[in-house]
Amino acid sequence: MKGLAWLMRVWRDWRRRRYEHGLLAGMSAAQLQDVGITRADAMEELAKPWWRRNTRG
């Protein structure tokens, strides 16, 4: 059962990151500025493979 639990955790992380990817990609320049990042920062983050993104601080 450990293998299934691990697989479910990986799948859940992937789904969460895809959702966050969509939010970040859809932000306007003003919204990005409000959270303290530039468009270049956002594009750099979006270019990373999903398993290398740090979405938790």
PDB file of N, CA and C in Angstrom:
ATOM      1  N   MET A   1       0.801  -1.201   0.000  1.00  0.00           N
ATOM      2  CA  MET A   1       0.000   0.000   0.000  1.00  0.00           C
ATOM      3  C   MET A   1       0.850   1.275   0.000  1.00  0.00           C
ATOM      4  N   LYS A   2       2.102   1.164   0.446  1.00  0.00           N
ATOM      5  CA  LYS A   2       2.953   2.354   0.457  1.00  0.00           C
ATOM      6  C   LYS A   2       3.152   2.920  -0.944  1.00  0.00           C
ATOM      7  N   GLY A   3       3.291   2.049  -1.919  1.00  0.00           N
ATOM      8  CA  GLY A   3       3.489   2.495  -3.291  1.00  0.00           C
ATOM      9  C   GLY A   3       2.303   3.286  -3.807  1.00  0.00           C
ATOM     10  N   LEU A   4       1.115   2.842  -3.479  1.00  0.00           N
ATOM     11  CA  LEU A   4      -0.096   3.545  -3.902  1.00  0.00           C
ATOM     12  C   LEU A   4      -0.207   4.902  -3.218  1.00  0.00           C
ATOM     13  N   ALA A   5       0.124   4.971  -1.936  1.00  0.00           N
ATOM     14  CA  ALA A   5       0.081   6.243  -1.201  1.00  0.00           C
ATOM     15  C   ALA A   5       1.066   7.236  -1.814  1.00  0.00           C
ATOM     16  N   TRP A   6       2.256   6.757  -2.154  1.00  0.00           N
ATOM     17  CA  TRP A   6       3.260   7.623  -2.772  1.00  0.00           C
ATOM     18  C   TRP A   6       2.766   8.133  -4.122  1.00  0.00           C
ATOM     19  N   LEU A   7       2.200   7.234  -4.910  1.00  0.00           N
ATOM     20  CA  LEU A   7       1.695   7.613  -6.228  1.00  0.00           C
ATOM     21  C   LEU A   7       0.580   8.655  -6.117  1.00  0.00           C
ATOM     22  N   MET A   8      -0.305   8.480  -5.171  1.00  0.00           N
ATOM     23  CA  MET A   8      -1.395   9.447  -4.974  1.00  0.00           C
ATOM     24  C   MET A   8      -0.844  10.808  -4.551  1.00  0.00           C
ATOM     25  N   ARG A   9       0.190  10.817  -3.708  1.00  0.00           N
ATOM     26  CA  ARG A   9       0.802  12.075  -3.270  1.00  0.00           C
ATOM     27  C   ARG A   9       1.464  12.789  -4.453  1.00  0.00           C
ATOM     28  N   VAL A  10       2.163  12.039  -5.286  1.00  0.00           N
ATOM     29  CA  VAL A  10       2.808  12.623  -6.472  1.00  0.00           C
ATOM     30  C   VAL A  10       1.749  13.193  -7.412  1.00  0.00           C
ATOM     31  N   TRP A  11       0.694  12.443  -7.644  1.00  0.00           N
ATOM     32  CA  TRP A  11      -0.379  12.906  -8.528  1.00  0.00           C
ATOM     33  C   TRP A  11      -1.040  14.168  -7.975  1.00  0.00           C
ATOM     34  N   ARG A  12      -1.298  14.204  -6.672  1.00  0.00           N
ATOM     35  CA  ARG A  12      -1.910  15.372  -6.038  1.00  0.00           C
ATOM     36  C   ARG A  12      -0.991  16.597  -6.173  1.00  0.00           C
ATOM     37  N   ASP A  13       0.321  16.397  -5.951  1.00  0.00           N
ATOM     38  CA  ASP A  13       1.279  17.501  -6.104  1.00  0.00           C
ATOM     39  C   ASP A  13       1.296  18.010  -7.540  1.00  0.00           C
ATOM     40  N   TRP A  14       1.284  17.082  -8.497  1.00  0.00           N
ATOM     41  CA  TRP A  14       1.286  17.479  -9.907  1.00  0.00           C
ATOM     42  C   TRP A  14       0.052  18.305 -10.237  1.00  0.00           C
ATOM     43  N   ARG A  15      -1.129  17.871  -9.784  1.00  0.00           N
ATOM     44  CA  ARG A  15      -2.376  18.605 -10.043  1.00  0.00           C
ATOM     45  C   ARG A  15      -2.342  19.996  -9.428  1.00  0.00           C
ATOM     46  N   ARG A  16      -1.858  20.087  -8.192  1.00  0.00           N
ATOM     47  CA  ARG A  16      -1.778  21.386  -7.512  1.00  0.00           C
ATOM     48  C   ARG A  16      -0.841  22.322  -8.268  1.00  0.00           C
ATOM     49  N   ARG A  17       0.289  21.797  -8.687  1.00  0.00           N
ATOM     50  CA  ARG A  17       1.251  22.642  -9.393  1.00  0.00           C
ATOM     51  C   ARG A  17       0.741  23.057 -10.767  1.00  0.00           C
ATOM     52  N   ARG A  18       0.010  22.197 -11.452  1.00  0.00           N
ATOM     53  CA  ARG A  18      -0.591  22.583 -12.738  1.00  0.00           C
ATOM     54  C   ARG A  18      -1.598  23.709 -12.532  1.00  0.00           C
ATOM     55  N   TYR A  19      -2.382  23.613 -11.466  1.00  0.00           N
ATOM     56  CA  TYR A  19      -3.352  24.660 -11.149  1.00  0.00           C
ATOM     57  C   TYR A  19      -2.625  25.982 -10.872  1.00  0.00           C
ATOM     58  N   GLU A  20      -1.596  25.929 -10.044  1.00  0.00           N
ATOM     59  CA  GLU A  20      -0.830  27.133  -9.724  1.00  0.00           C
ATOM     60  C   GLU A  20      -0.117  27.682 -10.957  1.00  0.00           C
ATOM     61  N   HIS A  21       0.347  26.812 -11.832  1.00  0.00           N
ATOM     62  CA  HIS A  21       0.983  27.214 -13.084  1.00  0.00           C
ATOM     63  C   HIS A  21       0.009  28.053 -13.906  1.00  0.00           C
ATOM     64  N   GLY A  22      -1.228  27.588 -13.994  1.00  0.00           N
ATOM     65  CA  GLY A  22      -2.252  28.326 -14.732  1.00  0.00           C
ATOM     66  C   GLY A  22      -2.538  29.686 -14.124  1.00  0.00           C
ATOM     67  N   LEU A  23      -2.584  29.735 -12.800  1.00  0.00           N
ATOM     68  CA  LEU A  23      -2.809  31.023 -12.131  1.00  0.00           C
ATOM     69  C   LEU A  23      -1.664  31.994 -12.410  1.00  0.00           C
ATOM     70  N   LEU A  24      -0.450  31.518 -12.264  1.00  0.00           N
ATOM     71  CA  LEU A  24       0.719  32.366 -12.492  1.00  0.00           C
ATOM     72  C   LEU A  24       0.776  32.841 -13.940  1.00  0.00           C
ATOM     73  N   ALA A  25       0.519  31.952 -14.870  1.00  0.00           N
ATOM     74  CA  ALA A  25       0.561  32.307 -16.289  1.00  0.00           C
ATOM     75  C   ALA A  25      -0.502  33.335 -16.646  1.00  0.00           C
ATOM     76  N   GLY A  26      -1.621  33.335 -15.927  1.00  0.00           N
ATOM     77  CA  GLY A  26      -2.716  34.238 -16.235  1.00  0.00           C
ATOM     78  C   GLY A  26      -2.664  35.580 -15.529  1.00  0.00           C
ATOM     79  N   MET A  27      -1.658  35.800 -14.690  1.00  0.00           N
ATOM     80  CA  MET A  27      -1.574  37.055 -13.942  1.00  0.00           C
ATOM     81  C   MET A  27      -1.136  38.207 -14.836  1.00  0.00           C
ATOM     82  N   SER A  28      -1.719  39.351 -14.574  1.00  0.00           N
ATOM     83  CA  SER A  28      -1.316  40.563 -15.289  1.00  0.00           C
ATOM     84  C   SER A  28      -0.024  41.100 -14.674  1.00  0.00           C
ATOM     85  N   ALA A  29       0.583  42.057 -15.358  1.00  0.00           N
ATOM     86  CA  ALA A  29       1.813  42.671 -14.844  1.00  0.00           C
ATOM     87  C   ALA A  29       1.559  43.326 -13.489  1.00  0.00           C
ATOM     88  N   ALA A  30       0.408  43.941 -13.326  1.00  0.00           N
ATOM     89  CA  ALA A  30       0.072  44.596 -12.055  1.00  0.00           C
ATOM     90  C   ALA A  30      -0.071  43.568 -10.930  1.00  0.00           C
ATOM     91  N   GLN A  31      -0.693  42.432 -11.228  1.00  0.00           N
ATOM     92  CA  GLN A  31      -0.839  41.378 -10.218  1.00  0.00           C
ATOM     93  C   GLN A  31       0.518  40.795  -9.840  1.00  0.00           C
ATOM     94  N   LEU A  32       1.370  40.587 -10.826  1.00  0.00           N
ATOM     95  CA  LEU A  32       2.712  40.086 -10.536  1.00  0.00           C
ATOM     96  C   LEU A  32       3.475  41.080  -9.670  1.00  0.00           C
ATOM     97  N   GLN A  33       3.344  42.348  -9.977  1.00  0.00           N
ATOM     98  CA  GLN A  33       4.008  43.387  -9.186  1.00  0.00           C
ATOM     99  C   GLN A  33       3.492  43.371  -7.747  1.00  0.00           C
ATOM    100  N   ASP A  34       2.185  43.143  -7.576  1.00  0.00           N
ATOM    101  CA  ASP A  34       1.595  43.086  -6.234  1.00  0.00           C
ATOM    102  C   ASP A  34       2.201  41.971  -5.387  1.00  0.00           C
ATOM    103  N   VAL A  35       2.541  40.860  -6.000  1.00  0.00           N
ATOM    104  CA  VAL A  35       3.142  39.755  -5.245  1.00  0.00           C
ATOM    105  C   VAL A  35       4.664  39.822  -5.237  1.00  0.00           C
ATOM    106  N   GLY A  36       5.226  40.828  -5.869  1.00  0.00           N
ATOM    107  CA  GLY A  36       6.656  41.088  -5.780  1.00  0.00           C
ATOM    108  C   GLY A  36       7.531  40.349  -6.768  1.00  0.00           C
ATOM    109  N   ILE A  37       6.969  39.969  -7.922  1.00  0.00           N
ATOM    110  CA  ILE A  37       7.802  39.329  -8.942  1.00  0.00           C
ATOM    111  C   ILE A  37       7.582  40.022 -10.284  1.00  0.00           C
ATOM    112  N   THR A  38       8.545  39.839 -11.163  1.00  0.00           N
ATOM    113  CA  THR A  38       8.450  40.413 -12.496  1.00  0.00           C
ATOM    114  C   THR A  38       7.920  39.360 -13.468  1.00  0.00           C
ATOM    115  N   ARG A  39       7.586  39.782 -14.652  1.00  0.00           N
ATOM    116  CA  ARG A  39       7.161  38.839 -15.695  1.00  0.00           C
ATOM    117  C   ARG A  39       8.294  37.858 -15.990  1.00  0.00           C
ATOM    118  N   ALA A  40       9.534  38.358 -15.982  1.00  0.00           N
ATOM    119  CA  ALA A  40      10.683  37.482 -16.229  1.00  0.00           C
ATOM    120  C   ALA A  40      10.807  36.410 -15.142  1.00  0.00           C
ATOM    121  N   ASP A  41      10.585  36.797 -13.878  1.00  0.00           N
ATOM    122  CA  ASP A  41      10.604  35.825 -12.785  1.00  0.00           C
ATOM    123  C   ASP A  41       9.534  34.758 -12.997  1.00  0.00           C
ATOM    124  N   ALA A  42       8.341  35.193 -13.369  1.00  0.00           N
ATOM    125  CA  ALA A  42       7.239  34.264 -13.592  1.00  0.00           C
ATOM    126  C   ALA A  42       7.564  33.320 -14.745  1.00  0.00           C
ATOM    127  N   MET A  43       8.106  33.840 -15.817  1.00  0.00           N
ATOM    128  CA  MET A  43       8.422  33.004 -16.969  1.00  0.00           C
ATOM    129  C   MET A  43       9.527  31.996 -16.622  1.00  0.00           C
ATOM    130  N   GLU A  44      10.482  32.417 -15.821  1.00  0.00           N
ATOM    131  CA  GLU A  44      11.548  31.508 -15.385  1.00  0.00           C
ATOM    132  C   GLU A  44      10.955  30.362 -14.554  1.00  0.00           C
ATOM    133  N   GLU A  45      10.051  30.687 -13.654  1.00  0.00           N
ATOM    134  CA  GLU A  45       9.402  29.659 -12.836  1.00  0.00           C
ATOM    135  C   GLU A  45       8.552  28.721 -13.696  1.00  0.00           C
ATOM    136  N   LEU A  46       7.840  29.280 -14.655  1.00  0.00           N
ATOM    137  CA  LEU A  46       6.984  28.468 -15.512  1.00  0.00           C
ATOM    138  C   LEU A  46       7.789  27.552 -16.431  1.00  0.00           C
ATOM    139  N   ALA A  47       9.030  27.911 -16.710  1.00  0.00           N
ATOM    140  CA  ALA A  47       9.870  27.095 -17.592  1.00  0.00           C
ATOM    141  C   ALA A  47      10.450  25.870 -16.887  1.00  0.00           C
ATOM    142  N   LYS A  48      10.409  25.862 -15.558  1.00  0.00           N
ATOM    143  CA  LYS A  48      10.958  24.735 -14.805  1.00  0.00           C
ATOM    144  C   LYS A  48      10.048  23.518 -14.932  1.00  0.00           C
ATOM    145  N   PRO A  49      10.650  22.331 -14.925  1.00  0.00           N
ATOM    146  CA  PRO A  49       9.817  21.124 -14.879  1.00  0.00           C
ATOM    147  C   PRO A  49       9.009  21.112 -13.587  1.00  0.00           C
ATOM    148  N   TRP A  50       7.835  20.527 -13.588  1.00  0.00           N
ATOM    149  CA  TRP A  50       6.953  20.601 -12.425  1.00  0.00           C
ATOM    150  C   TRP A  50       7.573  20.034 -11.167  1.00  0.00           C
ATOM    151  N   TRP A  51       8.453  19.079 -11.277  1.00  0.00           N
ATOM    152  CA  TRP A  51       9.022  18.475 -10.083  1.00  0.00           C
ATOM    153  C   TRP A  51      10.125  19.348  -9.463  1.00  0.00           C
ATOM    154  N   ARG A  52      10.516  20.414 -10.162  1.00  0.00           N
ATOM    155  CA  ARG A  52      11.550  21.314  -9.624  1.00  0.00           C
ATOM    156  C   ARG A  52      10.986  22.625  -9.102  1.00  0.00           C
ATOM    157  N   ARG A  53       9.706  22.811  -9.222  1.00  0.00           N
ATOM    158  CA  ARG A  53       9.113  24.051  -8.732  1.00  0.00           C
ATOM    159  C   ARG A  53       8.974  24.013  -7.232  1.00  0.00           C
ATOM    160  N   ASN A  54       9.266  25.147  -6.606  1.00  0.00           N
ATOM    161  CA  ASN A  54       9.078  25.282  -5.165  1.00  0.00           C
ATOM    162  C   ASN A  54       7.879  26.178  -4.950  1.00  0.00           C
ATOM    163  N   THR A  55       6.738  25.583  -4.671  1.00  0.00           N
ATOM    164  CA  THR A  55       5.521  26.376  -4.536  1.00  0.00           C
ATOM    165  C   THR A  55       5.129  26.595  -3.092  1.00  0.00           C
ATOM    166  N   ARG A  56       5.946  26.117  -2.188  1.00  0.00           N
ATOM    167  CA  ARG A  56       5.605  26.261  -0.780  1.00  0.00           C
ATOM    168  C   ARG A  56       6.668  27.075  -0.055  1.00  0.00           C
ATOM    169  N   GLY A  57       6.827  28.309  -0.497  1.00  0.00           N
ATOM    170  CA  GLY A  57       7.711  29.213   0.222  1.00  0.00           C
ATOM    171  C   GLY A  57       9.112  28.960  -0.017  1.00  0.00           C
TER     172      GLY A  57
END
